Every structure is written in C-alpha cells, then in structure tokens.
C-alpha cells in the first residue's frame, strides 16, 4: 500500500463516476487516477495506470464487472484490489463477485464514509463487506459450497483471542469495530487478523467469513 491510494473508477454512468470520484477525492489519502465505462475499457485503464484499488460496477455493456474482476484478479502483473459497487441487492451478483476475487462489496446506497472506508480497507488488504448484504452473501456462499454433511469443526491452532476475532469478522465487523468490541487497539486487531489468515491459509477476510460459517466458528 502506497502513501496515497490510487483508484480507478469503473461505471457505465458518467454522472455516477463523477459522484464517486468527488467522494473519494475529498479524502487526502486517495487519488482517482483513471475511469472506464465498460469492462473492456477497465482492463485497458487498469493495465495503463496500475492502481491500488478498482471500484467496479456490475452491469455494464461490452463486458460486465464480474468478468472484468475475474480478469484483473487473475492477472499476476496487476496488484489492484477490486471493490464491487452495485445498485441491486442481488445475492447472485455478490456471490459471483466473491468467487471472482473481489475484496469489497458495497451497495451504491452506502454512505460516503463507507465507500471511503472500503477503498482504504481494500488497499490495506483487509477488505470490507457492506453490512446490508453480509448475511445474505455469506448464507448463499455457504449454501452453494456446503457438503452433503456439515464439515466438522477443524482442529486449528488459533488462540482464544484469535477465535474471538474470527467470530467478529464473521459478523461483518471491521477492524475498528472489532477493536472497540474487544477493548484493544486497531493495530492489535490487524495483527490478530493477519495471524488468523495465515494459520487458516486464507487469502483475505472475505474467505475468513465463509470459512467461519462453513465450520461453525461463528460463536
């Protein structure tokens, strides 16, 4: 993560791109470095600008945001984290985006500060799920991947505090909220989250949420 988070905006509506850009540019640590109106254009702009984060719409002409997300995440030369923004609270879009590798999921009705937080979290490798869709997305993801018999609770070398952190991640809490819940610093929470991901061999906190629900580690 660089000192300034560089962002590319992808949406087929220019007015929405302008509004999102205004919100993000108001933060001193965020710079909008490119825009695109289709998935194909998004790939070109991302390859040209090498941003830290891509804010990706779903429904677009030419190539939709889900396919564009898959291609960006699959490209080893690109290190951009993708935050999906959608107008529609549709589980199928959000679950497919999760499997495509997006690390953030927000509705366009989210508050400006939620959007800013999602971008900063994505750049820091933390990811963020919109509270409005967290339960629906995880329930669907777990249902799609659930085996015929429930997976046994695994024997995992997590400390008691790390298990508490995993439980709170599964409830959709961000690092600041977890810190307030456990009465510890944000830096301490980040350390616990990193340890949980490493011990469970998970890519990010989104995978941690699904893992926790699949294995009954939600408290």
C-alpha atoms as a PDB file:
ATOM      1  CA  UNK A   1       0.000   0.000   0.000  1.00  0.00           C
ATOM      2  CA  UNK A   2       1.431   3.358  -1.078  1.00  0.00           C
ATOM      3  CA  UNK A   3       1.111   6.620   0.864  1.00  0.00           C
ATOM      4  CA  UNK A   4      -1.699   7.650  -1.479  1.00  0.00           C
ATOM      5  CA  UNK A   5      -4.232   5.037  -2.559  1.00  0.00           C
ATOM      6  CA  UNK A   6      -4.597   5.177  -6.340  1.00  0.00           C
ATOM      7  CA  UNK A   7      -8.088   4.299  -7.581  1.00  0.00           C
ATOM      8  CA  UNK A   8      -9.725   3.547 -10.931  1.00  0.00           C
ATOM      9  CA  UNK A   9     -13.491   4.034 -11.217  1.00  0.00           C
ATOM     10  CA  UNK A  10     -15.483   1.720 -13.476  1.00  0.00           C
ATOM     11  CA  UNK A  11     -19.156   2.501 -14.155  1.00  0.00           C
ATOM     12  CA  UNK A  12     -21.131   2.952 -17.368  1.00  0.00           C
ATOM     13  CA  UNK A  13     -22.824   6.089 -15.996  1.00  0.00           C
ATOM     14  CA  UNK A  14     -20.599   9.147 -16.175  1.00  0.00           C
ATOM     15  CA  UNK A  15     -22.581  11.019 -13.522  1.00  0.00           C
ATOM     16  CA  UNK A  16     -22.123   8.193 -11.029  1.00  0.00           C
ATOM     17  CA  UNK A  17     -18.398   8.069 -11.774  1.00  0.00           C
ATOM     18  CA  UNK A  18     -18.228  11.796 -11.153  1.00  0.00           C
ATOM     19  CA  UNK A  19     -20.088  11.482  -7.843  1.00  0.00           C
ATOM     20  CA  UNK A  20     -17.962   8.590  -6.629  1.00  0.00           C
ATOM     21  CA  UNK A  21     -14.839  10.422  -7.737  1.00  0.00           C
ATOM     22  CA  UNK A  22     -15.828  13.527  -5.805  1.00  0.00           C
ATOM     23  CA  UNK A  23     -16.402  11.499  -2.631  1.00  0.00           C
ATOM     24  CA  UNK A  24     -13.101   9.653  -2.866  1.00  0.00           C
ATOM     25  CA  UNK A  25     -11.020  12.646  -3.958  1.00  0.00           C
ATOM     26  CA  UNK A  26     -12.181  14.540  -0.874  1.00  0.00           C
ATOM     27  CA  UNK A  27     -10.049  12.164   1.198  1.00  0.00           C
ATOM     28  CA  UNK A  28      -6.420  13.333   1.334  1.00  0.00           C
ATOM     29  CA  UNK A  29      -5.114   9.775   1.094  1.00  0.00           C
ATOM     30  CA  UNK A  30      -6.998   8.820  -2.084  1.00  0.00           C
ATOM     31  CA  UNK A  31      -6.309   9.795  -5.707  1.00  0.00           C
ATOM     32  CA  UNK A  32      -8.547   8.875  -8.647  1.00  0.00           C
ATOM     33  CA  UNK A  33      -6.133   8.023 -11.478  1.00  0.00           C
ATOM     34  CA  UNK A  34      -8.500   6.694 -14.141  1.00  0.00           C
ATOM     35  CA  UNK A  35     -12.052   5.981 -15.235  1.00  0.00           C
ATOM     36  CA  UNK A  36     -13.755   3.482 -17.524  1.00  0.00           C
ATOM     37  CA  UNK A  37     -17.300   2.899 -18.754  1.00  0.00           C
ATOM     38  CA  UNK A  38     -17.082  -0.782 -19.722  1.00  0.00           C
ATOM     39  CA  UNK A  39     -15.288  -3.884 -18.560  1.00  0.00           C
ATOM     40  CA  UNK A  40     -13.026  -3.884 -21.614  1.00  0.00           C
ATOM     41  CA  UNK A  41     -12.067  -0.269 -21.032  1.00  0.00           C
ATOM     42  CA  UNK A  42     -11.488  -1.112 -17.366  1.00  0.00           C
ATOM     43  CA  UNK A  43      -8.845  -3.686 -18.259  1.00  0.00           C
ATOM     44  CA  UNK A  44      -7.065  -1.179 -20.501  1.00  0.00           C
ATOM     45  CA  UNK A  45      -7.144   1.608 -17.896  1.00  0.00           C
ATOM     46  CA  UNK A  46      -6.060  -0.664 -15.038  1.00  0.00           C
ATOM     47  CA  UNK A  47      -3.130  -2.003 -17.054  1.00  0.00           C
ATOM     48  CA  UNK A  48      -2.113   1.541 -18.005  1.00  0.00           C
ATOM     49  CA  UNK A  49      -2.417   3.147 -14.557  1.00  0.00           C
ATOM     50  CA  UNK A  50      -1.638   0.241 -12.186  1.00  0.00           C
ATOM     51  CA  UNK A  51      -3.977   1.412  -9.387  1.00  0.00           C
ATOM     52  CA  UNK A  52      -4.155   0.052  -5.863  1.00  0.00           C
ATOM     53  CA  UNK A  53      -7.945  -0.301  -5.941  1.00  0.00           C
ATOM     54  CA  UNK A  54     -10.630  -0.607  -8.625  1.00  0.00           C
ATOM     55  CA  UNK A  55     -14.210   0.408  -7.832  1.00  0.00           C
ATOM     56  CA  UNK A  56     -16.164  -1.875 -10.158  1.00  0.00           C
ATOM     57  CA  UNK A  57     -19.776  -1.643 -11.315  1.00  0.00           C
ATOM     58  CA  UNK A  58     -21.527  -4.908 -12.201  1.00  0.00           C
ATOM     59  CA  UNK A  59     -23.952  -4.245 -15.041  1.00  0.00           C
ATOM     60  CA  UNK A  60     -22.129  -2.686 -17.988  1.00  0.00           C
ATOM     61  CA  UNK A  61     -22.112  -3.065 -21.776  1.00  0.00           C
ATOM     62  CA  UNK A  62     -19.383  -4.929 -23.654  1.00  0.00           C
ATOM     63  CA  UNK A  63     -18.010  -6.821 -20.625  1.00  0.00           C
ATOM     64  CA  UNK A  64     -19.686  -6.844 -17.227  1.00  0.00           C
ATOM     65  CA  UNK A  65     -17.905  -6.059 -13.986  1.00  0.00           C
ATOM     66  CA  UNK A  66     -17.829  -9.651 -12.794  1.00  0.00           C
ATOM     67  CA  UNK A  67     -15.828 -10.835 -15.795  1.00  0.00           C
ATOM     68  CA  UNK A  68     -13.603  -7.770 -15.579  1.00  0.00           C
ATOM     69  CA  UNK A  69     -12.975  -8.551 -11.907  1.00  0.00           C
ATOM     70  CA  UNK A  70     -12.014 -12.138 -12.724  1.00  0.00           C
ATOM     71  CA  UNK A  71      -9.509 -10.966 -15.345  1.00  0.00           C
ATOM     72  CA  UNK A  72      -7.960  -8.292 -13.140  1.00  0.00           C
ATOM     73  CA  UNK A  73      -7.550 -10.661 -10.191  1.00  0.00           C
ATOM     74  CA  UNK A  74      -6.183 -13.430 -12.421  1.00  0.00           C
ATOM     75  CA  UNK A  75      -3.533 -11.160 -13.971  1.00  0.00           C
ATOM     76  CA  UNK A  76      -0.341 -11.695 -11.971  1.00  0.00           C
ATOM     77  CA  UNK A  77       1.044  -8.384 -13.235  1.00  0.00           C
ATOM     78  CA  UNK A  78      -1.813  -6.444 -11.646  1.00  0.00           C
ATOM     79  CA  UNK A  79      -1.948  -5.923  -7.893  1.00  0.00           C
ATOM     80  CA  UNK A  80      -5.203  -3.969  -7.766  1.00  0.00           C
ATOM     81  CA  UNK A  81      -7.847  -4.965  -5.223  1.00  0.00           C
ATOM     82  CA  UNK A  82     -11.401  -4.832  -6.557  1.00  0.00           C
ATOM     83  CA  UNK A  83     -14.306  -3.307  -4.661  1.00  0.00           C
ATOM     84  CA  UNK A  84     -17.627  -4.145  -6.302  1.00  0.00           C
ATOM     85  CA  UNK A  85     -20.335  -1.471  -6.281  1.00  0.00           C
ATOM     86  CA  UNK A  86     -23.843  -2.404  -7.333  1.00  0.00           C
ATOM     87  CA  UNK A  87     -27.265  -0.796  -7.414  1.00  0.00           C
ATOM     88  CA  UNK A  88     -29.050  -4.092  -6.959  1.00  0.00           C
ATOM     89  CA  UNK A  89     -29.052  -6.063  -3.723  1.00  0.00           C
ATOM     90  CA  UNK A  90     -28.771  -9.342  -5.628  1.00  0.00           C
ATOM     91  CA  UNK A  91     -27.082 -12.259  -3.942  1.00  0.00           C
ATOM     92  CA  UNK A  92     -26.076 -13.884  -7.232  1.00  0.00           C
ATOM     93  CA  UNK A  93     -24.048 -10.846  -8.296  1.00  0.00           C
ATOM     94  CA  UNK A  94     -22.338 -10.539  -4.946  1.00  0.00           C
ATOM     95  CA  UNK A  95     -21.583 -14.226  -4.514  1.00  0.00           C
ATOM     96  CA  UNK A  96     -20.148 -14.414  -8.035  1.00  0.00           C
ATOM     97  CA  UNK A  97     -18.046 -11.336  -7.319  1.00  0.00           C
ATOM     98  CA  UNK A  98     -16.754 -13.021  -4.154  1.00  0.00           C
ATOM     99  CA  UNK A  99     -15.701 -16.080  -6.122  1.00  0.00           C
ATOM    100  CA  UNK A 100     -14.173 -13.833  -8.801  1.00  0.00           C
ATOM    101  CA  UNK A 101     -11.802 -12.457  -6.175  1.00  0.00           C
ATOM    102  CA  UNK A 102     -13.266  -9.085  -5.216  1.00  0.00           C
ATOM    103  CA  UNK A 103     -12.386  -7.997  -1.677  1.00  0.00           C
ATOM    104  CA  UNK A 104     -15.093  -5.377  -1.129  1.00  0.00           C
ATOM    105  CA  UNK A 105     -18.862  -5.414  -1.649  1.00  0.00           C
ATOM    106  CA  UNK A 106     -20.973  -2.293  -1.366  1.00  0.00           C
ATOM    107  CA  UNK A 107     -24.351  -1.087  -2.498  1.00  0.00           C
ATOM    108  CA  UNK A 108     -24.422   2.281  -4.230  1.00  0.00           C
ATOM    109  CA  UNK A 109     -26.796   3.408  -1.495  1.00  0.00           C
ATOM    110  CA  UNK A 110     -23.950   3.125   1.032  1.00  0.00           C
ATOM    111  CA  UNK A 111     -22.897   6.231   2.934  1.00  0.00           C
ATOM    112  CA  UNK A 112     -19.914   8.179   1.555  1.00  0.00           C
ATOM    113  CA  UNK A 113     -17.783   7.248   4.548  1.00  0.00           C
ATOM    114  CA  UNK A 114     -18.496   3.546   3.916  1.00  0.00           C
ATOM    115  CA  UNK A 115     -17.221   3.893   0.365  1.00  0.00           C
ATOM    116  CA  UNK A 116     -14.059   5.636   1.527  1.00  0.00           C
ATOM    117  CA  UNK A 117     -13.519   3.018   4.224  1.00  0.00           C
ATOM    118  CA  UNK A 118     -13.992   0.211   1.696  1.00  0.00           C
ATOM    119  CA  UNK A 119     -11.337   1.665  -0.602  1.00  0.00           C
ATOM    120  CA  UNK A 120      -8.837   2.210   2.207  1.00  0.00           C
ATOM    121  CA  UNK A 121      -9.520  -1.258   3.637  1.00  0.00           C
ATOM    122  CA  UNK A 122      -9.068  -2.876   0.228  1.00  0.00           C
ATOM    123  CA  UNK A 123      -5.757  -1.068  -0.282  1.00  0.00           C
ATOM    124  CA  UNK A 124      -4.608  -2.307   3.129  1.00  0.00           C
ATOM    125  CA  UNK A 125      -5.503  -5.870   2.207  1.00  0.00           C
ATOM    126  CA  UNK A 126      -8.372  -6.043   4.666  1.00  0.00           C
ATOM    127  CA  UNK A 127     -11.481  -5.973   2.509  1.00  0.00           C
ATOM    128  CA  UNK A 128     -14.942  -4.857   3.563  1.00  0.00           C
ATOM    129  CA  UNK A 129     -18.421  -6.310   3.229  1.00  0.00           C
ATOM    130  CA  UNK A 130     -21.406  -3.985   3.207  1.00  0.00           C
ATOM    131  CA  UNK A 131     -23.452  -4.596   6.370  1.00  0.00           C
ATOM    132  CA  UNK A 132     -26.635  -4.617   4.264  1.00  0.00           C
ATOM    133  CA  UNK A 133     -25.537  -7.631   2.268  1.00  0.00           C
ATOM    134  CA  UNK A 134     -23.107  -9.510   4.513  1.00  0.00           C
ATOM    135  CA  UNK A 135     -25.584 -12.025   5.899  1.00  0.00           C
ATOM    136  CA  UNK A 136     -27.232 -12.711   2.543  1.00  0.00           C
ATOM    137  CA  UNK A 137     -23.950 -13.097   0.698  1.00  0.00           C
ATOM    138  CA  UNK A 138     -22.396 -15.419   3.237  1.00  0.00           C
ATOM    139  CA  UNK A 139     -25.535 -17.514   3.632  1.00  0.00           C
ATOM    140  CA  UNK A 140     -25.672 -18.010  -0.133  1.00  0.00           C
ATOM    141  CA  UNK A 141     -21.937 -18.675  -0.469  1.00  0.00           C
ATOM    142  CA  UNK A 142     -22.002 -21.251   2.294  1.00  0.00           C
ATOM    143  CA  UNK A 143     -25.129 -22.926   0.882  1.00  0.00           C
ATOM    144  CA  UNK A 144     -23.523 -23.195  -2.558  1.00  0.00           C
ATOM    145  CA  UNK A 145     -20.384 -24.784  -1.131  1.00  0.00           C
ATOM    146  CA  UNK A 146     -21.860 -26.824   1.735  1.00  0.00           C
ATOM    147  CA  UNK A 147     -21.133 -30.577   1.501  1.00  0.00           C
ATOM    148  CA  UNK A 148     -23.841 -33.216   1.954  1.00  0.00           C
ATOM    149  CA  UNK A 149     -22.828 -33.489   5.612  1.00  0.00           C
ATOM    150  CA  UNK A 150     -21.716 -30.490   7.679  1.00  0.00           C
ATOM    151  CA  UNK A 151     -17.966 -30.019   7.780  1.00  0.00           C
ATOM    152  CA  UNK A 152     -16.516 -30.955  11.174  1.00  0.00           C
ATOM    153  CA  UNK A 153     -15.097 -28.211  13.335  1.00  0.00           C
ATOM    154  CA  UNK A 154     -11.414 -28.297  12.347  1.00  0.00           C
ATOM    155  CA  UNK A 155      -8.567 -28.550  14.770  1.00  0.00           C
ATOM    156  CA  UNK A 156      -6.903 -25.186  14.173  1.00  0.00           C
ATOM    157  CA  UNK A 157      -4.086 -23.696  16.263  1.00  0.00           C
ATOM    158  CA  UNK A 158      -5.911 -20.435  16.928  1.00  0.00           C
ATOM    159  CA  UNK A 159      -5.540 -18.749  20.271  1.00  0.00           C
ATOM    160  CA  UNK A 160      -8.661 -17.871  22.228  1.00  0.00           C
ATOM    161  CA  UNK A 161      -8.298 -14.218  21.194  1.00  0.00           C
ATOM    162  CA  UNK A 162      -7.848 -15.175  17.534  1.00  0.00           C
ATOM    163  CA  UNK A 163     -11.036 -17.251  17.707  1.00  0.00           C
ATOM    164  CA  UNK A 164     -12.854 -14.224  19.110  1.00  0.00           C
ATOM    165  CA  UNK A 165     -11.532 -12.092  16.263  1.00  0.00           C
ATOM    166  CA  UNK A 166     -12.611 -14.673  13.678  1.00  0.00           C
ATOM    167  CA  UNK A 167     -16.103 -14.734  15.196  1.00  0.00           C
ATOM    168  CA  UNK A 168     -16.355 -10.953  14.935  1.00  0.00           C
ATOM    169  CA  UNK A 169     -15.044 -10.987  11.354  1.00  0.00           C
ATOM    170  CA  UNK A 170     -17.809 -13.478  10.551  1.00  0.00           C
ATOM    171  CA  UNK A 171     -20.362 -10.996  11.905  1.00  0.00           C
ATOM    172  CA  UNK A 172     -19.139  -8.428   9.380  1.00  0.00           C
ATOM    173  CA  UNK A 173     -17.293  -6.134  11.803  1.00  0.00           C
ATOM    174  CA  UNK A 174     -14.385  -4.073  10.511  1.00  0.00           C
ATOM    175  CA  UNK A 175     -11.114  -3.660  12.400  1.00  0.00           C
ATOM    176  CA  UNK A 176     -12.177  -0.524  14.246  1.00  0.00           C
ATOM    177  CA  UNK A 177     -15.411  -2.184  15.380  1.00  0.00           C
ATOM    178  CA  UNK A 178     -13.539  -5.305  16.499  1.00  0.00           C
ATOM    179  CA  UNK A 179     -11.106  -3.134  18.452  1.00  0.00           C
ATOM    180  CA  UNK A 180     -13.987  -1.410  20.227  1.00  0.00           C
ATOM    181  CA  UNK A 181     -15.682  -4.747  20.948  1.00  0.00           C
ATOM    182  CA  UNK A 182     -12.547  -6.291  22.452  1.00  0.00           C
ATOM    183  CA  UNK A 183     -11.155  -3.116  24.045  1.00  0.00           C
ATOM    184  CA  UNK A 184      -7.842  -3.371  22.197  1.00  0.00           C
ATOM    185  CA  UNK A 185      -6.042  -1.186  19.658  1.00  0.00           C
ATOM    186  CA  UNK A 186      -6.658  -1.308  15.914  1.00  0.00           C
ATOM    187  CA  UNK A 187      -3.029  -2.358  15.413  1.00  0.00           C
ATOM    188  CA  UNK A 188      -3.566  -5.327  17.727  1.00  0.00           C
ATOM    189  CA  UNK A 189      -6.646  -6.345  15.764  1.00  0.00           C
ATOM    190  CA  UNK A 190      -4.708  -6.158  12.482  1.00  0.00           C
ATOM    191  CA  UNK A 191      -2.077  -8.469  13.957  1.00  0.00           C
ATOM    192  CA  UNK A 192      -4.729 -10.963  15.081  1.00  0.00           C
ATOM    193  CA  UNK A 193      -6.442 -10.853  11.670  1.00  0.00           C
ATOM    194  CA  UNK A 194      -3.126 -11.484   9.906  1.00  0.00           C
ATOM    195  CA  UNK A 195      -2.424 -14.429  12.221  1.00  0.00           C
ATOM    196  CA  UNK A 196      -5.877 -15.919  11.605  1.00  0.00           C
ATOM    197  CA  UNK A 197      -5.493 -15.676   7.819  1.00  0.00           C
ATOM    198  CA  UNK A 198      -2.001 -17.168   7.926  1.00  0.00           C
ATOM    199  CA  UNK A 199      -2.926 -20.065  10.219  1.00  0.00           C
ATOM    200  CA  UNK A 200      -6.023 -20.947   8.200  1.00  0.00           C
ATOM    201  CA  UNK A 201      -4.266 -20.416   4.839  1.00  0.00           C
ATOM    202  CA  UNK A 202      -6.915 -17.929   3.734  1.00  0.00           C
ATOM    203  CA  UNK A 203      -6.443 -15.168   1.171  1.00  0.00           C
ATOM    204  CA  UNK A 204      -8.436 -12.438   2.881  1.00  0.00           C
ATOM    205  CA  UNK A 205     -11.122 -11.699   5.464  1.00  0.00           C
ATOM    206  CA  UNK A 206     -13.884 -12.486   2.964  1.00  0.00           C
ATOM    207  CA  UNK A 207     -12.625 -16.066   2.794  1.00  0.00           C
ATOM    208  CA  UNK A 208     -12.373 -15.980   6.586  1.00  0.00           C
ATOM    209  CA  UNK A 209     -16.083 -15.129   6.847  1.00  0.00           C
ATOM    210  CA  UNK A 210     -17.087 -18.016   4.590  1.00  0.00           C
ATOM    211  CA  UNK A 211     -14.688 -20.366   6.409  1.00  0.00           C
ATOM    212  CA  UNK A 212     -16.106 -19.437   9.791  1.00  0.00           C
ATOM    213  CA  UNK A 213     -19.671 -20.044   8.666  1.00  0.00           C
ATOM    214  CA  UNK A 214     -18.811 -23.327   6.958  1.00  0.00           C
ATOM    215  CA  UNK A 215     -17.075 -24.705  10.029  1.00  0.00           C
ATOM    216  CA  UNK A 216     -19.348 -23.439  12.782  1.00  0.00           C
ATOM    217  CA  UNK A 217     -16.844 -20.921  14.099  1.00  0.00           C
ATOM    218  CA  UNK A 218     -19.312 -18.063  14.393  1.00  0.00           C
ATOM    219  CA  UNK A 219     -19.801 -18.138  18.158  1.00  0.00           C
END
